[in-house]
Structures are given as structure tokens and as C-alpha cells.
Amino acid sequence: MKNQRWFKTPEAKVILGCSDQYLKKNRDTHGGFLEEEVHYRFGGSVNSPIYWNVEEIMKVFHDRGKTIRLGREMVKQVLQGEE
């Protein structure tokens, strides 16, 4: 791990502009796109907080947003071609 900062859930959700539920439901263990040890990690006990790598999560959010916008544009072009 290079010099990355990991944040507890309450801090990460503010930095990322999303809810803690959104972060947690998007973990790979729940069928999501955030990967364990890349985007999040657990502490040493069940009661330990989850730590989030906000820098890497921002990259994934950006890529997903870009993909969604590209997909919408492609659908728009296909629908316009059918008229």
C-alpha cells in the first residue's frame, strides 16, 4: 500500500458524498463493486469499524459514472435512429 489514507465510515461517507448504507451495500461481499482490501478493509474484531480507501473509491465512482453517461448517450442515439 502506498501512502494512502483510510477513513472510518462516518468520515468516508462525508468525503464521498454518499450514505454509509450505499458504501456497505456496494461491497463485493454484498454483490457490489467495491473490493475488499482495495476499497475497504475490516478491523481486527467484529466491533471494529470498516475503513475505506476514499481515493480508490472516487476512481471507481468516476468510472461508473462515465460508463452510465456513455450508455445513456448510446441509447439516445439508437432511439433517434429509429425515428
N, C-alpha and C. Protein backbone atom coordinates (compact mmCIF):
# COMPACT_ATOMS: atom_id res chain seq x y z
N MET A 1 0.83 -1.18 0.00
CA MET A 1 0.00 0.00 0.00
C MET A 1 0.87 1.24 0.00
N LYS A 2 0.71 2.05 -0.97
CA LYS A 2 1.44 3.32 -0.94
C LYS A 2 0.85 4.20 0.15
N ASN A 3 1.18 5.42 0.17
CA ASN A 3 0.81 6.33 1.24
C ASN A 3 -0.66 6.74 1.17
N GLN A 4 -1.57 5.79 1.20
CA GLN A 4 -3.00 6.09 1.10
C GLN A 4 -3.61 6.25 2.48
N ARG A 5 -4.62 7.08 2.57
CA ARG A 5 -5.33 7.27 3.83
C ARG A 5 -6.62 6.49 3.81
N TRP A 6 -6.88 5.81 4.87
CA TRP A 6 -8.10 5.03 5.04
C TRP A 6 -8.94 5.73 6.10
N PHE A 7 -10.24 5.87 5.83
CA PHE A 7 -11.14 6.59 6.71
C PHE A 7 -12.23 5.67 7.24
N LYS A 8 -12.65 5.93 8.48
CA LYS A 8 -13.80 5.21 9.04
C LYS A 8 -15.05 5.63 8.26
N THR A 9 -16.08 4.81 8.34
CA THR A 9 -17.32 5.04 7.58
C THR A 9 -17.89 6.45 7.74
N PRO A 10 -18.04 6.98 8.96
CA PRO A 10 -18.63 8.32 9.08
C PRO A 10 -17.85 9.40 8.33
N GLU A 11 -16.52 9.29 8.32
CA GLU A 11 -15.71 10.27 7.60
C GLU A 11 -15.76 10.03 6.10
N ALA A 12 -15.68 8.77 5.70
CA ALA A 12 -15.66 8.42 4.28
C ALA A 12 -16.95 8.85 3.58
N LYS A 13 -18.08 8.64 4.23
CA LYS A 13 -19.35 8.98 3.57
C LYS A 13 -19.47 10.48 3.32
N VAL A 14 -18.92 11.29 4.21
CA VAL A 14 -18.95 12.74 4.02
C VAL A 14 -18.03 13.13 2.86
N ILE A 15 -16.83 12.59 2.85
CA ILE A 15 -15.87 12.90 1.79
C ILE A 15 -16.42 12.48 0.42
N LEU A 16 -17.04 11.29 0.38
CA LEU A 16 -17.53 10.74 -0.89
C LEU A 16 -18.91 11.26 -1.28
N GLY A 17 -19.61 11.88 -0.35
CA GLY A 17 -20.93 12.42 -0.66
C GLY A 17 -22.00 11.36 -0.84
N CYS A 18 -21.93 10.29 -0.05
CA CYS A 18 -22.93 9.23 -0.13
C CYS A 18 -23.24 8.74 1.27
N SER A 19 -24.20 7.86 1.38
CA SER A 19 -24.58 7.34 2.70
C SER A 19 -23.71 6.14 3.08
N ASP A 20 -23.71 5.84 4.37
CA ASP A 20 -22.99 4.66 4.82
C ASP A 20 -23.64 3.39 4.27
N GLN A 21 -24.97 3.40 4.12
CA GLN A 21 -25.66 2.25 3.54
C GLN A 21 -25.22 2.01 2.10
N TYR A 22 -25.03 3.08 1.34
CA TYR A 22 -24.58 2.94 -0.05
C TYR A 22 -23.21 2.30 -0.11
N LEU A 23 -22.30 2.76 0.74
CA LEU A 23 -20.97 2.16 0.78
C LEU A 23 -21.05 0.68 1.14
N LYS A 24 -21.77 0.38 2.19
CA LYS A 24 -21.81 -1.01 2.68
C LYS A 24 -22.49 -1.95 1.70
N LYS A 25 -23.56 -1.51 1.06
CA LYS A 25 -24.26 -2.41 0.13
C LYS A 25 -23.49 -2.63 -1.17
N ASN A 26 -22.52 -1.77 -1.45
CA ASN A 26 -21.73 -1.92 -2.67
C ASN A 26 -20.41 -2.65 -2.46
N ARG A 27 -20.25 -3.28 -1.28
CA ARG A 27 -19.08 -4.14 -1.07
C ARG A 27 -19.26 -5.42 -1.87
N ASP A 28 -18.15 -6.00 -2.31
CA ASP A 28 -18.21 -7.24 -3.09
C ASP A 28 -18.89 -8.36 -2.32
N THR A 29 -18.83 -8.34 -1.01
CA THR A 29 -19.48 -9.37 -0.20
C THR A 29 -21.00 -9.26 -0.26
N HIS A 30 -21.51 -8.16 -0.78
CA HIS A 30 -22.95 -7.94 -0.93
C HIS A 30 -23.33 -7.78 -2.40
N GLY A 31 -22.50 -8.28 -3.30
CA GLY A 31 -22.79 -8.23 -4.73
C GLY A 31 -22.42 -6.92 -5.40
N GLY A 32 -21.68 -6.08 -4.71
CA GLY A 32 -21.33 -4.77 -5.25
C GLY A 32 -19.97 -4.74 -5.92
N PHE A 33 -19.52 -3.54 -6.21
CA PHE A 33 -18.31 -3.31 -6.99
C PHE A 33 -17.11 -2.88 -6.16
N LEU A 34 -17.28 -2.67 -4.87
CA LEU A 34 -16.15 -2.27 -4.02
C LEU A 34 -15.46 -3.52 -3.49
N GLU A 35 -14.17 -3.63 -3.76
CA GLU A 35 -13.41 -4.84 -3.45
C GLU A 35 -12.70 -4.76 -2.10
N GLU A 36 -12.81 -5.87 -1.36
CA GLU A 36 -12.14 -5.97 -0.07
C GLU A 36 -10.63 -5.83 -0.26
N GLU A 37 -9.99 -5.11 0.62
CA GLU A 37 -8.55 -4.83 0.65
C GLU A 37 -8.10 -3.86 -0.45
N VAL A 38 -8.99 -3.50 -1.36
CA VAL A 38 -8.69 -2.46 -2.35
C VAL A 38 -9.44 -1.19 -1.96
N HIS A 39 -10.75 -1.34 -1.74
CA HIS A 39 -11.61 -0.20 -1.43
C HIS A 39 -12.01 -0.13 0.04
N TYR A 40 -12.00 -1.24 0.73
CA TYR A 40 -12.35 -1.25 2.15
C TYR A 40 -11.61 -2.38 2.85
N ARG A 41 -11.53 -2.26 4.16
CA ARG A 41 -10.94 -3.33 4.97
C ARG A 41 -11.57 -3.31 6.35
N PHE A 42 -11.54 -4.46 6.97
CA PHE A 42 -12.11 -4.61 8.30
C PHE A 42 -11.03 -4.44 9.36
N GLY A 43 -11.46 -4.12 10.57
CA GLY A 43 -10.55 -4.08 11.70
C GLY A 43 -10.36 -5.48 12.27
N GLY A 44 -9.70 -5.56 13.40
CA GLY A 44 -9.33 -6.84 13.98
C GLY A 44 -10.43 -7.56 14.74
N SER A 45 -11.57 -6.92 14.97
CA SER A 45 -12.66 -7.58 15.69
C SER A 45 -13.99 -7.24 15.03
N VAL A 46 -15.03 -7.93 15.47
CA VAL A 46 -16.37 -7.71 14.93
C VAL A 46 -16.83 -6.27 15.19
N ASN A 47 -16.41 -5.71 16.30
CA ASN A 47 -16.83 -4.35 16.67
C ASN A 47 -15.98 -3.25 16.05
N SER A 48 -14.91 -3.63 15.37
CA SER A 48 -14.04 -2.63 14.75
C SER A 48 -14.75 -1.96 13.57
N PRO A 49 -14.43 -0.70 13.31
CA PRO A 49 -15.05 -0.02 12.17
C PRO A 49 -14.51 -0.55 10.85
N ILE A 50 -15.27 -0.30 9.80
CA ILE A 50 -14.79 -0.58 8.45
C ILE A 50 -14.01 0.66 8.02
N TYR A 51 -12.87 0.44 7.39
CA TYR A 51 -12.06 1.53 6.87
C TYR A 51 -12.18 1.55 5.35
N TRP A 52 -12.25 2.77 4.79
CA TRP A 52 -12.50 2.95 3.36
C TRP A 52 -11.35 3.73 2.72
N ASN A 53 -10.94 3.28 1.56
CA ASN A 53 -9.90 3.95 0.77
C ASN A 53 -10.61 4.91 -0.18
N VAL A 54 -10.84 6.13 0.28
CA VAL A 54 -11.67 7.06 -0.48
C VAL A 54 -11.05 7.43 -1.83
N GLU A 55 -9.75 7.46 -1.91
CA GLU A 55 -9.09 7.79 -3.19
C GLU A 55 -9.44 6.76 -4.26
N GLU A 56 -9.36 5.49 -3.91
CA GLU A 56 -9.68 4.42 -4.87
C GLU A 56 -11.18 4.37 -5.15
N ILE A 57 -11.99 4.63 -4.15
CA ILE A 57 -13.45 4.62 -4.35
C ILE A 57 -13.86 5.75 -5.29
N MET A 58 -13.24 6.92 -5.15
CA MET A 58 -13.54 8.03 -6.06
C MET A 58 -13.24 7.65 -7.51
N LYS A 59 -12.18 6.91 -7.73
CA LYS A 59 -11.85 6.46 -9.08
C LYS A 59 -12.94 5.54 -9.63
N VAL A 60 -13.42 4.62 -8.79
CA VAL A 60 -14.47 3.69 -9.22
C VAL A 60 -15.77 4.44 -9.48
N PHE A 61 -16.13 5.37 -8.59
CA PHE A 61 -17.33 6.18 -8.80
C PHE A 61 -17.23 6.92 -10.13
N HIS A 62 -16.08 7.50 -10.41
CA HIS A 62 -15.87 8.24 -11.66
C HIS A 62 -16.07 7.32 -12.87
N ASP A 63 -15.42 6.16 -12.83
CA ASP A 63 -15.53 5.22 -13.96
C ASP A 63 -16.96 4.75 -14.17
N ARG A 64 -17.67 4.46 -13.08
CA ARG A 64 -19.06 4.02 -13.19
C ARG A 64 -19.94 5.14 -13.74
N GLY A 65 -19.72 6.36 -13.27
CA GLY A 65 -20.49 7.50 -13.76
C GLY A 65 -20.26 7.73 -15.25
N LYS A 66 -19.01 7.60 -15.66
CA LYS A 66 -18.67 7.76 -17.07
C LYS A 66 -19.35 6.68 -17.92
N THR A 67 -19.33 5.46 -17.44
CA THR A 67 -19.96 4.35 -18.16
C THR A 67 -21.47 4.55 -18.29
N ILE A 68 -22.10 4.99 -17.22
CA ILE A 68 -23.55 5.23 -17.24
C ILE A 68 -23.89 6.33 -18.25
N ARG A 69 -23.13 7.40 -18.24
CA ARG A 69 -23.39 8.50 -19.18
C ARG A 69 -23.18 8.07 -20.63
N LEU A 70 -22.14 7.29 -20.87
CA LEU A 70 -21.89 6.77 -22.22
C LEU A 70 -23.03 5.86 -22.66
N GLY A 71 -23.49 5.01 -21.76
CA GLY A 71 -24.60 4.11 -22.09
C GLY A 71 -25.87 4.87 -22.42
N ARG A 72 -26.16 5.89 -21.64
CA ARG A 72 -27.36 6.71 -21.90
C ARG A 72 -27.27 7.40 -23.26
N GLU A 73 -26.08 7.89 -23.59
CA GLU A 73 -25.89 8.55 -24.88
C GLU A 73 -26.08 7.56 -26.03
N MET A 74 -25.58 6.34 -25.86
CA MET A 74 -25.74 5.33 -26.90
C MET A 74 -27.21 4.96 -27.09
N VAL A 75 -27.95 4.81 -26.00
CA VAL A 75 -29.38 4.51 -26.08
C VAL A 75 -30.11 5.64 -26.79
N LYS A 76 -29.76 6.87 -26.44
CA LYS A 76 -30.38 8.04 -27.07
C LYS A 76 -30.15 8.04 -28.58
N GLN A 77 -28.93 7.73 -29.00
CA GLN A 77 -28.60 7.69 -30.42
C GLN A 77 -29.36 6.58 -31.14
N VAL A 78 -29.49 5.43 -30.51
CA VAL A 78 -30.23 4.32 -31.12
C VAL A 78 -31.69 4.69 -31.27
N LEU A 79 -32.27 5.28 -30.24
CA LEU A 79 -33.68 5.66 -30.30
C LEU A 79 -33.92 6.75 -31.34
N GLN A 80 -33.01 7.67 -31.49
CA GLN A 80 -33.15 8.72 -32.51
C GLN A 80 -33.03 8.12 -33.91
N GLY A 81 -32.25 7.08 -34.05
CA GLY A 81 -32.09 6.42 -35.35
C GLY A 81 -33.32 5.65 -35.76
N GLU A 82 -34.16 5.28 -34.78
CA GLU A 82 -35.39 4.52 -35.08
C GLU A 82 -36.53 5.43 -35.50
N GLU A 83 -36.39 6.72 -35.31
CA GLU A 83 -37.49 7.65 -35.65
C GLU A 83 -37.59 7.89 -37.12
